[in-house]
C-alpha atoms as a PDB file:
ATOM      1  CA  LEU A   1      29.806 -19.939   6.748  1.00  0.00           C
ATOM      2  CA  HIS A   2      30.944 -20.316   3.157  1.00  0.00           C
ATOM      3  CA  LEU A   3      28.287 -20.779   0.544  1.00  0.00           C
ATOM      4  CA  SER A   4      28.800 -22.071  -2.933  1.00  0.00           C
ATOM      5  CA  LYS A   5      28.090 -19.883  -5.940  1.00  0.00           C
ATOM      6  CA  ALA A   6      24.899 -21.837  -6.622  1.00  0.00           C
ATOM      7  CA  ALA A   7      23.633 -21.221  -3.078  1.00  0.00           C
ATOM      8  CA  LYS A   8      24.417 -17.510  -3.344  1.00  0.00           C
ATOM      9  CA  ALA A   9      22.578 -17.349  -6.667  1.00  0.00           C
ATOM     10  CA  LEU A  10      19.445 -18.818  -5.061  1.00  0.00           C
ATOM     11  CA  ARG A  11      19.115 -16.038  -2.478  1.00  0.00           C
ATOM     12  CA  PRO A  12      17.598 -13.481  -4.889  1.00  0.00           C
ATOM     13  CA  VAL A  13      15.376 -16.185  -6.361  1.00  0.00           C
ATOM     14  CA  ARG A  14      14.044 -17.052  -2.910  1.00  0.00           C
ATOM     15  CA  LYS A  15      13.424 -13.383  -2.120  1.00  0.00           C
ATOM     16  CA  ALA A  16      11.631 -12.854  -5.411  1.00  0.00           C
ATOM     17  CA  LEU A  17       9.528 -15.968  -4.850  1.00  0.00           C
ATOM     18  CA  ALA A  18       8.599 -14.826  -1.346  1.00  0.00           C
ATOM     19  CA  LEU A  19       7.674 -11.367  -2.644  1.00  0.00           C
ATOM     20  CA  ASN A  20       5.542 -12.871  -5.418  1.00  0.00           C
ATOM     21  CA  ILE A  21       3.750 -15.172  -2.972  1.00  0.00           C
ATOM     22  CA  LEU A  22       3.062 -12.293  -0.577  1.00  0.00           C
ATOM     23  CA  SER A  23       1.810 -10.122  -3.447  1.00  0.00           C
ATOM     24  CA  ALA A  24      -0.529 -12.878  -4.628  1.00  0.00           C
ATOM     25  CA  LEU A  25      -1.906 -13.373  -1.118  1.00  0.00           C
ATOM     26  CA  THR A  26      -2.394  -9.628  -0.768  1.00  0.00           C
ATOM     27  CA  VAL A  27      -4.343  -9.433  -4.021  1.00  0.00           C
ATOM     28  CA  VAL A  28      -6.549 -12.390  -3.067  1.00  0.00           C
ATOM     29  CA  ILE A  29      -7.313 -11.021   0.383  1.00  0.00           C
ATOM     30  CA  LEU A  30      -7.863  -7.447  -0.800  1.00  0.00           C
ATOM     31  CA  SER A  31     -10.038  -8.462  -3.741  1.00  0.00           C
ATOM     32  CA  GLN A  32     -12.362 -10.222  -1.298  1.00  0.00           C
ATOM     33  CA  LEU A  33     -12.341  -7.187   0.967  1.00  0.00           C
ATOM     34  CA  VAL A  34     -12.644  -4.224  -1.400  1.00  0.00           C
ATOM     35  CA  GLY A  35     -12.944  -5.514  -4.970  1.00  0.00           C
ATOM     36  CA  LEU A  36     -10.437  -5.878  -7.772  1.00  0.00           C
ATOM     37  CA  ILE A  37     -10.143  -2.284  -9.008  1.00  0.00           C
ATOM     38  CA  LEU A  38      -9.947  -0.896  -5.486  1.00  0.00           C
ATOM     39  CA  CYS A  39      -7.397  -3.602  -4.693  1.00  0.00           C
ATOM     40  CA  MET A  40      -5.114  -2.411  -7.492  1.00  0.00           C
ATOM     41  CA  ALA A  41      -5.481   1.195  -6.345  1.00  0.00           C
ATOM     42  CA  LEU A  42      -4.692   0.189  -2.776  1.00  0.00           C
ATOM     43  CA  LEU A  43      -1.561  -1.627  -3.939  1.00  0.00           C
ATOM     44  CA  VAL A  44      -0.324   1.270  -6.090  1.00  0.00           C
ATOM     45  CA  LEU A  45      -1.224   4.503  -4.263  1.00  0.00           C
ATOM     46  CA  PRO A  46       0.590   3.981  -0.920  1.00  0.00           C
ATOM     47  CA  VAL A  47       3.720   2.728  -2.686  1.00  0.00           C
ATOM     48  CA  ALA A  48       3.646   5.664  -5.109  1.00  0.00           C
ATOM     49  CA  SER A  49       3.308   8.055  -2.161  1.00  0.00           C
ATOM     50  CA  ALA A  50       6.203   6.405  -0.352  1.00  0.00           C
ATOM     51  CA  ALA A  51       8.353   6.417  -3.499  1.00  0.00           C
ATOM     52  CA  LEU A  52       8.045  10.204  -3.622  1.00  0.00           C
ATOM     53  CA  CYS A  53       9.537  10.427  -0.123  1.00  0.00           C
ATOM     54  CA  CYS A  54      12.116   7.618   0.005  1.00  0.00           C
ATOM     55  CA  ARG A  55      14.948   6.527  -2.248  1.00  0.00           C
ATOM     56  CA  LYS A  56      15.727   3.062  -0.844  1.00  0.00           C
ATOM     57  CA  ILE A  57      13.402   0.151  -1.490  1.00  0.00           C
ATOM     58  CA  SER A  58      13.366  -0.777   2.205  1.00  0.00           C
ATOM     59  CA  GLY A  59      12.154   2.719   3.107  1.00  0.00           C
ATOM     60  CA  ILE A  60       9.516   2.595   0.379  1.00  0.00           C
ATOM     61  CA  MET A  61       8.263  -0.766   1.667  1.00  0.00           C
ATOM     62  CA  ILE A  62       8.063   0.380   5.282  1.00  0.00           C
ATOM     63  CA  LEU A  63       6.508   3.762   4.537  1.00  0.00           C
ATOM     64  CA  GLY A  64       4.123   2.304   1.947  1.00  0.00           C
ATOM     65  CA  GLY A  65       2.940  -0.302   4.431  1.00  0.00           C
ATOM     66  CA  ALA A  66       2.476   2.351   7.101  1.00  0.00           C
ATOM     67  CA  ILE A  67       0.485   4.578   4.724  1.00  0.00           C
ATOM     68  CA  CYS A  68      -1.685   1.631   3.697  1.00  0.00           C
ATOM     69  CA  ALA A  69      -2.321   0.618   7.314  1.00  0.00           C
ATOM     70  CA  LEU A  70      -3.120   4.198   8.339  1.00  0.00           C
ATOM     71  CA  CYS A  71      -5.504   4.707   5.405  1.00  0.00           C
ATOM     72  CA  GLY A  72      -7.162   1.374   6.166  1.00  0.00           C
ATOM     73  CA  PHE A  73      -7.620   2.193   9.841  1.00  0.00           C
ATOM     74  CA  LEU A  74      -8.890   5.731   9.241  1.00  0.00           C
ATOM     75  CA  GLY A  75     -11.089   4.600   6.345  1.00  0.00           C
ATOM     76  CA  LEU A  76     -12.802   2.019   8.531  1.00  0.00           C
ATOM     77  CA  ILE A  77     -13.324   4.550  11.302  1.00  0.00           C
ATOM     78  CA  ILE A  78     -14.794   7.088   8.868  1.00  0.00           C
ATOM     79  CA  SER A  79     -17.002   4.555   7.113  1.00  0.00           C
ATOM     80  CA  TYR A  80     -18.489   3.081  10.279  1.00  0.00           C
ATOM     81  CA  ASN A  81     -19.428   6.461  11.722  1.00  0.00           C
ATOM     82  CA  PRO A  82     -22.369   8.117   9.989  1.00  0.00           C
ATOM     83  CA  LEU A  83     -22.032  11.460   8.253  1.00  0.00           C
ATOM     84  CA  PRO A  84     -23.992  14.377   9.747  1.00  0.00           C
ATOM     85  CA  ASN A  85     -26.932  13.579   7.433  1.00  0.00           C
ATOM     86  CA  GLY A  86     -27.037   9.964   8.669  1.00  0.00           C
ATOM     87  CA  ILE A  87     -25.451   8.349   5.593  1.00  0.00           C
ATOM     88  CA  PHE A  88     -22.802   5.647   6.016  1.00  0.00           C
ATOM     89  CA  LEU A  89     -19.917   5.396   3.535  1.00  0.00           C
ATOM     90  CA  ALA A  90     -18.686   2.127   2.034  1.00  0.00           C
ATOM     91  CA  PRO A  91     -15.366   1.100   3.628  1.00  0.00           C
ATOM     92  CA  GLY A  92     -13.483   0.048   0.457  1.00  0.00           C
ATOM     93  CA  PRO A  93     -13.867   3.270  -1.526  1.00  0.00           C
ATOM     94  CA  THR A  94     -13.280   5.349   1.610  1.00  0.00           C
ATOM     95  CA  ILE A  95      -9.927   3.640   2.215  1.00  0.00           C
ATOM     96  CA  VAL A  96      -8.850   4.139  -1.400  1.00  0.00           C
ATOM     97  CA  GLU A  97      -9.993   7.774  -1.396  1.00  0.00           C
ATOM     98  CA  LEU A  98      -7.847   8.410   1.677  1.00  0.00           C
ATOM     99  CA  ALA A  99      -4.872   6.774  -0.055  1.00  0.00           C
ATOM    100  CA  GLY A 100      -5.516   9.020  -3.070  1.00  0.00           C
ATOM    101  CA  ILE A 101      -5.664  12.101  -0.854  1.00  0.00           C
ATOM    102  CA  VAL A 102      -2.365  11.109   0.779  1.00  0.00           C
ATOM    103  CA  PHE A 103      -0.781  10.712  -2.668  1.00  0.00           C
ATOM    104  CA  ILE A 104      -2.023  14.129  -3.815  1.00  0.00           C
ATOM    105  CA  VAL A 105      -0.787  15.827  -0.637  1.00  0.00           C
ATOM    106  CA  VAL A 106       2.638  14.148  -0.863  1.00  0.00           C
ATOM    107  CA  LYS A 107       2.910  15.012  -4.567  1.00  0.00           C
ATOM    108  CA  LEU A 108       2.074  18.667  -3.892  1.00  0.00           C
ATOM    109  CA  CYS A 109       4.603  18.794  -1.042  1.00  0.00           C
ATOM    110  CA  THR A 110       7.341  17.340  -3.229  1.00  0.00           C
ATOM    111  CA  LEU A 111       6.528  19.794  -6.019  1.00  0.00           C
ATOM    112  CA  LYS A 112       6.918  22.709  -3.599  1.00  0.00           C
ATOM    113  CA  ARG A 113      10.350  21.402  -2.506  1.00  0.00           C
ATOM    114  CA  LYS A 114      11.710  21.485  -6.049  1.00  0.00           C
END
């Protein structure tokens, strides 16, 4: 299949448009779920953690998504089970705190490697 130069030039534009649309949907959904500031933290922390471990963008995307999903799952489990004193934690901040802990642990591990 031979594509013209114009068709080849549109491929990155389509990818960028798809990425922008997915990012916008993510922000809208997360802002309803956890709030705007927590949404920004949840978008940045897993990707920053993954960027410390991976060099390729595909690896960063996969690992960042996995970290975000794991923190979300564990944060919901922690928040819906009461602490020993009977207090329940809010799910949004718990998820972001776990993502922050993951970032700190990864950062400390990468500092020890150097």
